Amino acid sequence: VVMMSISTLFYIIAGQYLVAKLWDLVPISGYNTGLHAIKFLILPVAIGVLSGVGAGSRWYRTLFLEEMGKDYVRTARAKGAGEWRVVLLHAGRNAVLPVIAMIGLDIGNFMQGVVVVEAVFGWPGIGQLSIQAVWNNDFRVFTGTVLLFTGIFVVMNFIADIVYVFIDPRVRLT
């Protein structure tokens, strides 16, 4: 609960101050190409993972525990199925469906995060381009970036719907 209550911006500021400035493990901002890019990726990736762990782990745990208490799981155990079989094939298969839907929706949050990460860490990219377009009143470029982000969001949700069909045979694309 504490991890999901903390703002991502706080994680960024604390990470830049502690890891980059005090401990001098990674650069504070900037970007490089080739193998040197790895040291510039460590802090943003770690912050992205850390900021999503709180809410994600709580939600996934709740989903899985809800599935483990359902009748079909008790029936599978009563029939003598092993615990791994019950967890993976019965409960896991049904618990992963909302996770796939949430991953498709989280792409929107990811696109928002791209803009913030590129602005804070000084990376060149589509997020930085959209921010510069706003500052320069270049509405055509900004509209193009928003359209690109929207298209990626729609495509990723469509892919999530297709993955649903492979995991749950009861779902049909019409």
N, C-alpha and C. Protein backbone atom coordinates (compact mmCIF):
# COMPACT_ATOMS: atom_id res chain seq x y z
N VAL A 1 0.83 -1.19 0.00
CA VAL A 1 0.00 0.00 0.00
C VAL A 1 0.88 1.25 0.00
N VAL A 2 1.99 1.20 0.74
CA VAL A 2 2.89 2.35 0.79
C VAL A 2 3.50 2.60 -0.59
N MET A 3 3.93 1.53 -1.27
CA MET A 3 4.57 1.70 -2.57
C MET A 3 3.62 2.28 -3.60
N MET A 4 2.34 1.91 -3.54
CA MET A 4 1.41 2.43 -4.54
C MET A 4 0.90 3.82 -4.16
N SER A 5 1.17 4.27 -2.95
CA SER A 5 0.76 5.61 -2.53
C SER A 5 1.78 6.68 -2.88
N ILE A 6 2.98 6.27 -3.20
CA ILE A 6 4.04 7.23 -3.50
C ILE A 6 3.98 7.59 -4.99
N SER A 7 4.12 8.86 -5.28
CA SER A 7 4.09 9.36 -6.65
C SER A 7 5.32 8.89 -7.43
N THR A 8 5.13 8.66 -8.71
CA THR A 8 6.25 8.28 -9.57
C THR A 8 7.28 9.40 -9.63
N LEU A 9 6.82 10.63 -9.58
CA LEU A 9 7.75 11.75 -9.60
C LEU A 9 8.68 11.72 -8.38
N PHE A 10 8.15 11.30 -7.23
CA PHE A 10 9.00 11.17 -6.05
C PHE A 10 10.05 10.09 -6.26
N TYR A 11 9.65 8.97 -6.86
CA TYR A 11 10.62 7.91 -7.16
C TYR A 11 11.73 8.44 -8.08
N ILE A 12 11.35 9.24 -9.07
CA ILE A 12 12.33 9.78 -10.00
C ILE A 12 13.31 10.70 -9.28
N ILE A 13 12.77 11.63 -8.49
CA ILE A 13 13.64 12.59 -7.79
C ILE A 13 14.53 11.87 -6.79
N ALA A 14 13.96 10.95 -6.01
CA ALA A 14 14.74 10.21 -5.02
C ALA A 14 15.80 9.34 -5.70
N GLY A 15 15.43 8.70 -6.82
CA GLY A 15 16.38 7.86 -7.55
C GLY A 15 17.53 8.67 -8.12
N GLN A 16 17.20 9.83 -8.70
CA GLN A 16 18.25 10.67 -9.25
C GLN A 16 19.17 11.20 -8.15
N TYR A 17 18.59 11.55 -7.02
CA TYR A 17 19.41 12.09 -5.94
C TYR A 17 20.28 11.01 -5.29
N LEU A 18 19.65 9.89 -4.91
CA LEU A 18 20.39 8.83 -4.20
C LEU A 18 21.34 8.07 -5.12
N VAL A 19 20.78 7.47 -6.17
CA VAL A 19 21.55 6.54 -7.00
C VAL A 19 22.53 7.28 -7.91
N ALA A 20 22.09 8.40 -8.47
CA ALA A 20 22.96 9.09 -9.44
C ALA A 20 23.87 10.12 -8.80
N LYS A 21 23.35 10.90 -7.85
CA LYS A 21 24.18 11.98 -7.30
C LYS A 21 25.01 11.52 -6.10
N LEU A 22 24.36 10.95 -5.08
CA LEU A 22 25.11 10.56 -3.88
C LEU A 22 26.00 9.35 -4.11
N TRP A 23 25.43 8.30 -4.69
CA TRP A 23 26.19 7.05 -4.86
C TRP A 23 26.98 7.02 -6.16
N ASP A 24 26.66 7.90 -7.10
CA ASP A 24 27.36 8.03 -8.39
C ASP A 24 27.46 6.69 -9.13
N LEU A 25 26.33 5.96 -9.16
CA LEU A 25 26.31 4.67 -9.85
C LEU A 25 25.92 4.78 -11.32
N VAL A 26 25.03 5.71 -11.61
CA VAL A 26 24.56 5.92 -12.99
C VAL A 26 24.48 7.42 -13.25
N PRO A 27 24.43 7.82 -14.52
CA PRO A 27 24.27 9.25 -14.82
C PRO A 27 22.87 9.74 -14.43
N ILE A 28 22.78 11.02 -14.09
CA ILE A 28 21.50 11.61 -13.70
C ILE A 28 20.58 11.73 -14.91
N SER A 29 21.10 12.19 -16.01
CA SER A 29 20.28 12.36 -17.22
C SER A 29 21.16 12.22 -18.44
N GLY A 30 20.52 12.27 -19.60
CA GLY A 30 21.24 12.15 -20.86
C GLY A 30 21.03 10.78 -21.48
N TYR A 31 21.64 10.61 -22.62
CA TYR A 31 21.51 9.35 -23.34
C TYR A 31 22.72 9.16 -24.23
N ASN A 32 23.06 7.90 -24.48
CA ASN A 32 24.17 7.57 -25.35
C ASN A 32 23.75 6.38 -26.21
N THR A 33 24.51 6.06 -27.22
CA THR A 33 24.17 4.94 -28.09
C THR A 33 25.10 3.77 -27.82
N GLY A 34 24.75 2.63 -28.39
CA GLY A 34 25.57 1.43 -28.27
C GLY A 34 25.52 0.83 -26.87
N LEU A 35 26.61 0.22 -26.47
CA LEU A 35 26.67 -0.41 -25.16
C LEU A 35 26.66 0.60 -24.02
N HIS A 36 27.06 1.83 -24.31
CA HIS A 36 27.06 2.87 -23.29
C HIS A 36 25.65 3.26 -22.88
N ALA A 37 24.66 2.93 -23.70
CA ALA A 37 23.27 3.28 -23.40
C ALA A 37 22.75 2.53 -22.18
N ILE A 38 23.33 1.39 -21.86
CA ILE A 38 22.84 0.58 -20.75
C ILE A 38 22.90 1.35 -19.44
N LYS A 39 23.98 2.05 -19.19
CA LYS A 39 24.09 2.79 -17.92
C LYS A 39 23.07 3.92 -17.83
N PHE A 40 22.61 4.44 -18.97
CA PHE A 40 21.59 5.48 -18.96
C PHE A 40 20.19 4.89 -18.80
N LEU A 41 20.02 3.60 -19.07
CA LEU A 41 18.72 2.94 -18.96
C LEU A 41 18.43 2.38 -17.58
N ILE A 42 19.46 2.12 -16.80
CA ILE A 42 19.29 1.43 -15.51
C ILE A 42 18.33 2.18 -14.59
N LEU A 43 18.56 3.45 -14.36
CA LEU A 43 17.74 4.21 -13.42
C LEU A 43 16.30 4.37 -13.89
N PRO A 44 16.02 4.78 -15.13
CA PRO A 44 14.61 4.90 -15.55
C PRO A 44 13.87 3.57 -15.52
N VAL A 45 14.52 2.49 -15.91
CA VAL A 45 13.85 1.19 -15.89
C VAL A 45 13.58 0.76 -14.45
N ALA A 46 14.55 0.94 -13.56
CA ALA A 46 14.37 0.57 -12.16
C ALA A 46 13.25 1.39 -11.52
N ILE A 47 13.17 2.67 -11.84
CA ILE A 47 12.12 3.52 -11.30
C ILE A 47 10.76 3.09 -11.86
N GLY A 48 10.70 2.78 -13.15
CA GLY A 48 9.44 2.33 -13.74
C GLY A 48 8.93 1.04 -13.11
N VAL A 49 9.83 0.12 -12.86
CA VAL A 49 9.44 -1.15 -12.23
C VAL A 49 9.02 -0.91 -10.78
N LEU A 50 9.81 -0.15 -10.05
CA LEU A 50 9.54 0.10 -8.64
C LEU A 50 8.21 0.82 -8.43
N SER A 51 7.91 1.78 -9.30
CA SER A 51 6.66 2.53 -9.14
C SER A 51 5.43 1.70 -9.47
N GLY A 52 5.58 0.63 -10.25
CA GLY A 52 4.43 -0.20 -10.59
C GLY A 52 4.28 -1.45 -9.74
N VAL A 53 5.27 -1.75 -8.92
CA VAL A 53 5.24 -2.99 -8.14
C VAL A 53 4.14 -2.98 -7.09
N GLY A 54 3.94 -1.86 -6.42
CA GLY A 54 2.97 -1.81 -5.32
C GLY A 54 1.56 -2.15 -5.75
N ALA A 55 1.04 -1.39 -6.69
CA ALA A 55 -0.33 -1.61 -7.14
C ALA A 55 -0.45 -2.92 -7.91
N GLY A 56 0.55 -3.22 -8.74
CA GLY A 56 0.48 -4.43 -9.54
C GLY A 56 0.49 -5.69 -8.70
N SER A 57 1.40 -5.79 -7.75
CA SER A 57 1.48 -7.00 -6.94
C SER A 57 0.24 -7.18 -6.08
N ARG A 58 -0.30 -6.11 -5.57
CA ARG A 58 -1.52 -6.23 -4.76
C ARG A 58 -2.70 -6.70 -5.61
N TRP A 59 -2.81 -6.15 -6.82
CA TRP A 59 -3.91 -6.51 -7.69
C TRP A 59 -3.79 -7.97 -8.17
N TYR A 60 -2.57 -8.38 -8.57
CA TYR A 60 -2.35 -9.75 -9.04
C TYR A 60 -2.60 -10.75 -7.92
N ARG A 61 -2.16 -10.44 -6.73
CA ARG A 61 -2.37 -11.32 -5.58
C ARG A 61 -3.87 -11.50 -5.31
N THR A 62 -4.62 -10.42 -5.35
CA THR A 62 -6.07 -10.49 -5.12
C THR A 62 -6.74 -11.33 -6.18
N LEU A 63 -6.37 -11.14 -7.44
CA LEU A 63 -6.95 -11.95 -8.51
C LEU A 63 -6.69 -13.43 -8.31
N PHE A 64 -5.45 -13.76 -8.00
CA PHE A 64 -5.08 -15.16 -7.87
C PHE A 64 -5.75 -15.80 -6.65
N LEU A 65 -5.80 -15.10 -5.54
CA LEU A 65 -6.45 -15.66 -4.36
C LEU A 65 -7.94 -15.86 -4.58
N GLU A 66 -8.55 -14.96 -5.34
CA GLU A 66 -9.97 -15.11 -5.66
C GLU A 66 -10.20 -16.37 -6.50
N GLU A 67 -9.34 -16.61 -7.47
CA GLU A 67 -9.47 -17.81 -8.30
C GLU A 67 -9.22 -19.09 -7.49
N MET A 68 -8.27 -19.04 -6.56
CA MET A 68 -7.94 -20.23 -5.77
C MET A 68 -9.07 -20.65 -4.86
N GLY A 69 -10.00 -19.75 -4.54
CA GLY A 69 -11.12 -20.09 -3.67
C GLY A 69 -12.37 -20.54 -4.41
N LYS A 70 -12.32 -20.64 -5.72
CA LYS A 70 -13.53 -20.98 -6.48
C LYS A 70 -13.76 -22.49 -6.48
N ASP A 71 -14.98 -22.86 -6.82
CA ASP A 71 -15.42 -24.27 -6.77
C ASP A 71 -14.63 -25.17 -7.70
N TYR A 72 -14.31 -24.72 -8.90
CA TYR A 72 -13.62 -25.61 -9.84
C TYR A 72 -12.21 -25.94 -9.37
N VAL A 73 -11.60 -25.07 -8.57
CA VAL A 73 -10.27 -25.36 -8.02
C VAL A 73 -10.40 -26.41 -6.92
N ARG A 74 -11.42 -26.28 -6.08
CA ARG A 74 -11.66 -27.30 -5.04
C ARG A 74 -12.00 -28.64 -5.67
N THR A 75 -12.74 -28.61 -6.77
CA THR A 75 -13.08 -29.85 -7.46
C THR A 75 -11.84 -30.52 -8.03
N ALA A 76 -10.97 -29.73 -8.62
CA ALA A 76 -9.73 -30.28 -9.17
C ALA A 76 -8.87 -30.90 -8.07
N ARG A 77 -8.81 -30.24 -6.93
CA ARG A 77 -8.06 -30.81 -5.80
C ARG A 77 -8.72 -32.09 -5.30
N ALA A 78 -10.06 -32.10 -5.25
CA ALA A 78 -10.78 -33.28 -4.77
C ALA A 78 -10.60 -34.47 -5.70
N LYS A 79 -10.41 -34.20 -6.99
CA LYS A 79 -10.18 -35.28 -7.95
C LYS A 79 -8.76 -35.82 -7.89
N GLY A 80 -7.90 -35.18 -7.09
CA GLY A 80 -6.55 -35.67 -6.91
C GLY A 80 -5.50 -35.02 -7.78
N ALA A 81 -5.84 -33.90 -8.40
CA ALA A 81 -4.84 -33.20 -9.22
C ALA A 81 -3.76 -32.62 -8.31
N GLY A 82 -2.53 -32.66 -8.78
CA GLY A 82 -1.42 -32.12 -8.01
C GLY A 82 -1.53 -30.62 -7.85
N GLU A 83 -0.86 -30.09 -6.85
CA GLU A 83 -0.96 -28.66 -6.55
C GLU A 83 -0.46 -27.81 -7.71
N TRP A 84 0.64 -28.22 -8.33
CA TRP A 84 1.15 -27.45 -9.47
C TRP A 84 0.15 -27.44 -10.62
N ARG A 85 -0.48 -28.57 -10.86
CA ARG A 85 -1.48 -28.65 -11.93
C ARG A 85 -2.68 -27.76 -11.64
N VAL A 86 -3.11 -27.77 -10.38
CA VAL A 86 -4.24 -26.93 -9.98
C VAL A 86 -3.88 -25.45 -10.14
N VAL A 87 -2.69 -25.09 -9.68
CA VAL A 87 -2.28 -23.68 -9.72
C VAL A 87 -2.07 -23.20 -11.15
N LEU A 88 -1.35 -23.98 -11.95
CA LEU A 88 -1.01 -23.51 -13.30
C LEU A 88 -2.16 -23.67 -14.29
N LEU A 89 -2.75 -24.84 -14.33
CA LEU A 89 -3.74 -25.11 -15.39
C LEU A 89 -5.14 -24.62 -15.05
N HIS A 90 -5.50 -24.70 -13.80
CA HIS A 90 -6.87 -24.33 -13.46
C HIS A 90 -6.96 -22.87 -13.01
N ALA A 91 -6.36 -22.54 -11.90
CA ALA A 91 -6.47 -21.17 -11.37
C ALA A 91 -5.65 -20.19 -12.19
N GLY A 92 -4.45 -20.55 -12.55
CA GLY A 92 -3.58 -19.63 -13.28
C GLY A 92 -4.13 -19.23 -14.62
N ARG A 93 -4.72 -20.16 -15.31
CA ARG A 93 -5.25 -19.87 -16.65
C ARG A 93 -6.39 -18.85 -16.59
N ASN A 94 -7.23 -18.95 -15.57
CA ASN A 94 -8.33 -17.99 -15.44
C ASN A 94 -7.89 -16.69 -14.79
N ALA A 95 -6.88 -16.75 -13.93
CA ALA A 95 -6.40 -15.53 -13.27
C ALA A 95 -5.62 -14.64 -14.23
N VAL A 96 -5.06 -15.21 -15.28
CA VAL A 96 -4.25 -14.43 -16.21
C VAL A 96 -5.10 -13.60 -17.17
N LEU A 97 -6.37 -13.90 -17.33
CA LEU A 97 -7.22 -13.16 -18.26
C LEU A 97 -7.36 -11.68 -17.88
N PRO A 98 -7.69 -11.35 -16.64
CA PRO A 98 -7.73 -9.92 -16.29
C PRO A 98 -6.35 -9.26 -16.37
N VAL A 99 -5.30 -10.03 -16.14
CA VAL A 99 -3.94 -9.48 -16.23
C VAL A 99 -3.65 -9.04 -17.66
N ILE A 100 -4.05 -9.86 -18.62
CA ILE A 100 -3.84 -9.51 -20.03
C ILE A 100 -4.62 -8.25 -20.39
N ALA A 101 -5.85 -8.17 -19.91
CA ALA A 101 -6.64 -6.96 -20.17
C ALA A 101 -5.98 -5.74 -19.55
N MET A 102 -5.45 -5.88 -18.35
CA MET A 102 -4.80 -4.75 -17.68
C MET A 102 -3.50 -4.35 -18.39
N ILE A 103 -2.78 -5.33 -18.92
CA ILE A 103 -1.56 -5.00 -19.65
C ILE A 103 -1.90 -4.18 -20.89
N GLY A 104 -2.97 -4.55 -21.56
CA GLY A 104 -3.40 -3.77 -22.72
C GLY A 104 -3.76 -2.34 -22.34
N LEU A 105 -4.40 -2.16 -21.18
CA LEU A 105 -4.76 -0.82 -20.73
C LEU A 105 -3.55 -0.06 -20.18
N ASP A 106 -2.59 -0.77 -19.63
CA ASP A 106 -1.40 -0.12 -19.08
C ASP A 106 -0.51 0.48 -20.16
N ILE A 107 -0.74 0.11 -21.40
CA ILE A 107 0.04 0.71 -22.49
C ILE A 107 -0.21 2.23 -22.52
N GLY A 108 -1.42 2.65 -22.20
CA GLY A 108 -1.71 4.09 -22.11
C GLY A 108 -0.87 4.76 -21.04
N ASN A 109 -0.75 4.11 -19.88
CA ASN A 109 0.10 4.66 -18.82
C ASN A 109 1.57 4.65 -19.24
N PHE A 110 1.95 3.65 -19.99
CA PHE A 110 3.32 3.57 -20.48
C PHE A 110 3.62 4.74 -21.41
N MET A 111 2.69 5.05 -22.29
CA MET A 111 2.90 6.17 -23.21
C MET A 111 3.01 7.49 -22.45
N GLN A 112 2.21 7.64 -21.40
CA GLN A 112 2.30 8.82 -20.56
C GLN A 112 3.65 8.85 -19.86
N GLY A 113 4.11 7.70 -19.42
CA GLY A 113 5.40 7.60 -18.75
C GLY A 113 6.56 7.93 -19.67
N VAL A 114 6.41 7.59 -20.94
CA VAL A 114 7.47 7.90 -21.92
C VAL A 114 7.69 9.40 -21.99
N VAL A 115 6.62 10.15 -22.00
CA VAL A 115 6.73 11.61 -22.07
C VAL A 115 7.44 12.14 -20.82
N VAL A 116 7.06 11.63 -19.65
CA VAL A 116 7.66 12.09 -18.40
C VAL A 116 9.13 11.69 -18.31
N VAL A 117 9.43 10.43 -18.63
CA VAL A 117 10.81 9.95 -18.54
C VAL A 117 11.72 10.70 -19.50
N GLU A 118 11.27 10.92 -20.72
CA GLU A 118 12.10 11.64 -21.68
C GLU A 118 12.32 13.08 -21.25
N ALA A 119 11.30 13.69 -20.64
CA ALA A 119 11.46 15.08 -20.19
C ALA A 119 12.40 15.17 -18.99
N VAL A 120 12.24 14.27 -18.02
CA VAL A 120 13.04 14.35 -16.79
C VAL A 120 14.47 13.90 -17.02
N PHE A 121 14.66 12.84 -17.80
CA PHE A 121 16.00 12.31 -18.00
C PHE A 121 16.71 12.88 -19.22
N GLY A 122 16.06 13.76 -19.95
CA GLY A 122 16.70 14.42 -21.08
C GLY A 122 16.97 13.51 -22.26
N TRP A 123 16.07 12.59 -22.51
CA TRP A 123 16.23 11.68 -23.64
C TRP A 123 15.59 12.26 -24.89
N PRO A 124 16.19 12.05 -26.05
CA PRO A 124 15.52 12.44 -27.28
C PRO A 124 14.49 11.36 -27.65
N GLY A 125 13.34 11.76 -28.11
CA GLY A 125 12.32 10.78 -28.49
C GLY A 125 10.99 11.44 -28.78
N ILE A 126 9.99 10.61 -28.97
CA ILE A 126 8.67 11.11 -29.35
C ILE A 126 8.02 11.90 -28.22
N GLY A 127 8.29 11.52 -26.98
CA GLY A 127 7.77 12.27 -25.85
C GLY A 127 8.38 13.66 -25.77
N GLN A 128 9.67 13.73 -25.95
CA GLN A 128 10.36 15.02 -25.95
C GLN A 128 9.87 15.88 -27.12
N LEU A 129 9.65 15.23 -28.27
CA LEU A 129 9.14 15.95 -29.44
C LEU A 129 7.76 16.54 -29.17
N SER A 130 6.90 15.78 -28.50
CA SER A 130 5.55 16.30 -28.22
C SER A 130 5.60 17.46 -27.22
N ILE A 131 6.49 17.40 -26.25
CA ILE A 131 6.62 18.51 -25.30
C ILE A 131 7.15 19.76 -26.01
N GLN A 132 8.15 19.59 -26.86
CA GLN A 132 8.68 20.73 -27.60
C GLN A 132 7.63 21.31 -28.54
N ALA A 133 6.78 20.46 -29.09
CA ALA A 133 5.71 20.95 -29.97
C ALA A 133 4.73 21.81 -29.20
N VAL A 134 4.43 21.44 -27.97
CA VAL A 134 3.54 22.26 -27.15
C VAL A 134 4.19 23.61 -26.85
N TRP A 135 5.47 23.60 -26.46
CA TRP A 135 6.16 24.85 -26.14
C TRP A 135 6.30 25.76 -27.37
N ASN A 136 6.42 25.18 -28.55
CA ASN A 136 6.58 25.96 -29.78
C ASN A 136 5.27 26.25 -30.49
N ASN A 137 4.14 25.87 -29.87
CA ASN A 137 2.81 26.03 -30.47
C ASN A 137 2.71 25.36 -31.84
N ASP A 138 3.38 24.25 -32.00
CA ASP A 138 3.34 23.49 -33.25
C ASP A 138 2.27 22.40 -33.09
N PHE A 139 1.03 22.77 -33.35
CA PHE A 139 -0.09 21.88 -33.07
C PHE A 139 -0.15 20.70 -34.03
N ARG A 140 0.41 20.83 -35.21
CA ARG A 140 0.40 19.71 -36.15
C ARG A 140 1.30 18.58 -35.65
N VAL A 141 2.48 18.93 -35.15
CA VAL A 141 3.38 17.91 -34.62
C VAL A 141 2.78 17.28 -33.37
N PHE A 142 2.20 18.11 -32.50
CA PHE A 142 1.59 17.59 -31.29
C PHE A 142 0.42 16.67 -31.62
N THR A 143 -0.40 17.05 -32.57
CA THR A 143 -1.51 16.21 -33.00
C THR A 143 -1.01 14.90 -33.57
N GLY A 144 0.09 14.95 -34.30
CA GLY A 144 0.67 13.72 -34.85
C GLY A 144 1.18 12.78 -33.76
N THR A 145 1.82 13.33 -32.73
CA THR A 145 2.30 12.47 -31.64
C THR A 145 1.15 11.87 -30.86
N VAL A 146 0.11 12.67 -30.63
CA VAL A 146 -1.07 12.14 -29.93
C VAL A 146 -1.74 11.05 -30.77
N LEU A 147 -1.81 11.27 -32.07
CA LEU A 147 -2.39 10.26 -32.96
C LEU A 147 -1.55 8.98 -32.95
N LEU A 148 -0.23 9.12 -32.93
CA LEU A 148 0.65 7.95 -32.87
C LEU A 148 0.45 7.19 -31.56
N PHE A 149 0.42 7.91 -30.43
CA PHE A 149 0.20 7.26 -29.14
C PHE A 149 -1.15 6.57 -29.10
N THR A 150 -2.16 7.20 -29.65
CA THR A 150 -3.51 6.62 -29.68
C THR A 150 -3.53 5.36 -30.54
N GLY A 151 -2.86 5.41 -31.68
CA GLY A 151 -2.80 4.23 -32.55
C GLY A 151 -2.10 3.07 -31.87
N ILE A 152 -1.00 3.34 -31.19
CA ILE A 152 -0.30 2.27 -30.46
C ILE A 152 -1.19 1.70 -29.37
N PHE A 153 -1.92 2.55 -28.67
CA PHE A 153 -2.83 2.10 -27.61
C PHE A 153 -3.92 1.18 -28.17
N VAL A 154 -4.50 1.57 -29.29
CA VAL A 154 -5.57 0.76 -29.90
C VAL A 154 -5.02 -0.57 -30.39
N VAL A 155 -3.86 -0.55 -31.03
CA VAL A 155 -3.26 -1.80 -31.54
C VAL A 155 -2.92 -2.74 -30.39
N MET A 156 -2.37 -2.22 -29.31
CA MET A 156 -2.01 -3.08 -28.18
C MET A 156 -3.23 -3.68 -27.51
N ASN A 157 -4.31 -2.93 -27.42
CA ASN A 157 -5.55 -3.50 -26.87
C ASN A 157 -6.13 -4.56 -27.80
N PHE A 158 -6.00 -4.36 -29.10
CA PHE A 158 -6.45 -5.37 -30.05
C PHE A 158 -5.62 -6.65 -29.91
N ILE A 159 -4.30 -6.50 -29.74
CA ILE A 159 -3.44 -7.67 -29.53
C ILE A 159 -3.82 -8.39 -28.25
N ALA A 160 -4.14 -7.63 -27.19
CA ALA A 160 -4.59 -8.25 -25.93
C ALA A 160 -5.87 -9.05 -26.15
N ASP A 161 -6.77 -8.54 -26.97
CA ASP A 161 -8.00 -9.29 -27.27
C ASP A 161 -7.70 -10.57 -28.04
N ILE A 162 -6.75 -10.53 -28.93
CA ILE A 162 -6.38 -11.72 -29.69
C ILE A 162 -5.72 -12.75 -28.79
N VAL A 163 -4.88 -12.30 -27.86
CA VAL A 163 -4.24 -13.23 -26.92
C VAL A 163 -5.29 -13.91 -26.04
N TYR A 164 -6.37 -13.19 -25.73
CA TYR A 164 -7.48 -13.79 -24.97
C TYR A 164 -7.98 -15.07 -25.62
N VAL A 165 -8.10 -15.04 -26.94
CA VAL A 165 -8.63 -16.19 -27.68
C VAL A 165 -7.73 -17.41 -27.51
N PHE A 166 -6.43 -17.21 -27.49
CA PHE A 166 -5.51 -18.33 -27.36
C PHE A 166 -5.49 -18.90 -25.95
N ILE A 167 -5.71 -18.08 -24.96
CA ILE A 167 -5.66 -18.54 -23.58
C ILE A 167 -6.98 -19.15 -23.14
N ASP A 168 -8.09 -18.54 -23.51
CA ASP A 168 -9.41 -19.03 -23.09
C ASP A 168 -10.21 -19.41 -24.32
N PRO A 169 -10.42 -20.71 -24.53
CA PRO A 169 -11.14 -21.15 -25.75
C PRO A 169 -12.61 -20.74 -25.75
N ARG A 170 -13.14 -20.30 -24.62
CA ARG A 170 -14.55 -19.86 -24.59
C ARG A 170 -14.72 -18.51 -25.27
N VAL A 171 -13.66 -17.75 -25.41
CA VAL A 171 -13.73 -16.43 -26.03
C VAL A 171 -13.57 -16.60 -27.54
N ARG A 172 -14.41 -15.93 -28.29
CA ARG A 172 -14.38 -15.98 -29.75
C ARG A 172 -14.33 -14.57 -30.31
N LEU A 173 -13.52 -14.37 -31.33
CA LEU A 173 -13.51 -13.10 -32.04
C LEU A 173 -14.65 -13.11 -33.06
N THR A 174 -15.47 -12.08 -33.03
CA THR A 174 -16.57 -12.02 -33.99
C THR A 174 -16.47 -10.79 -34.84
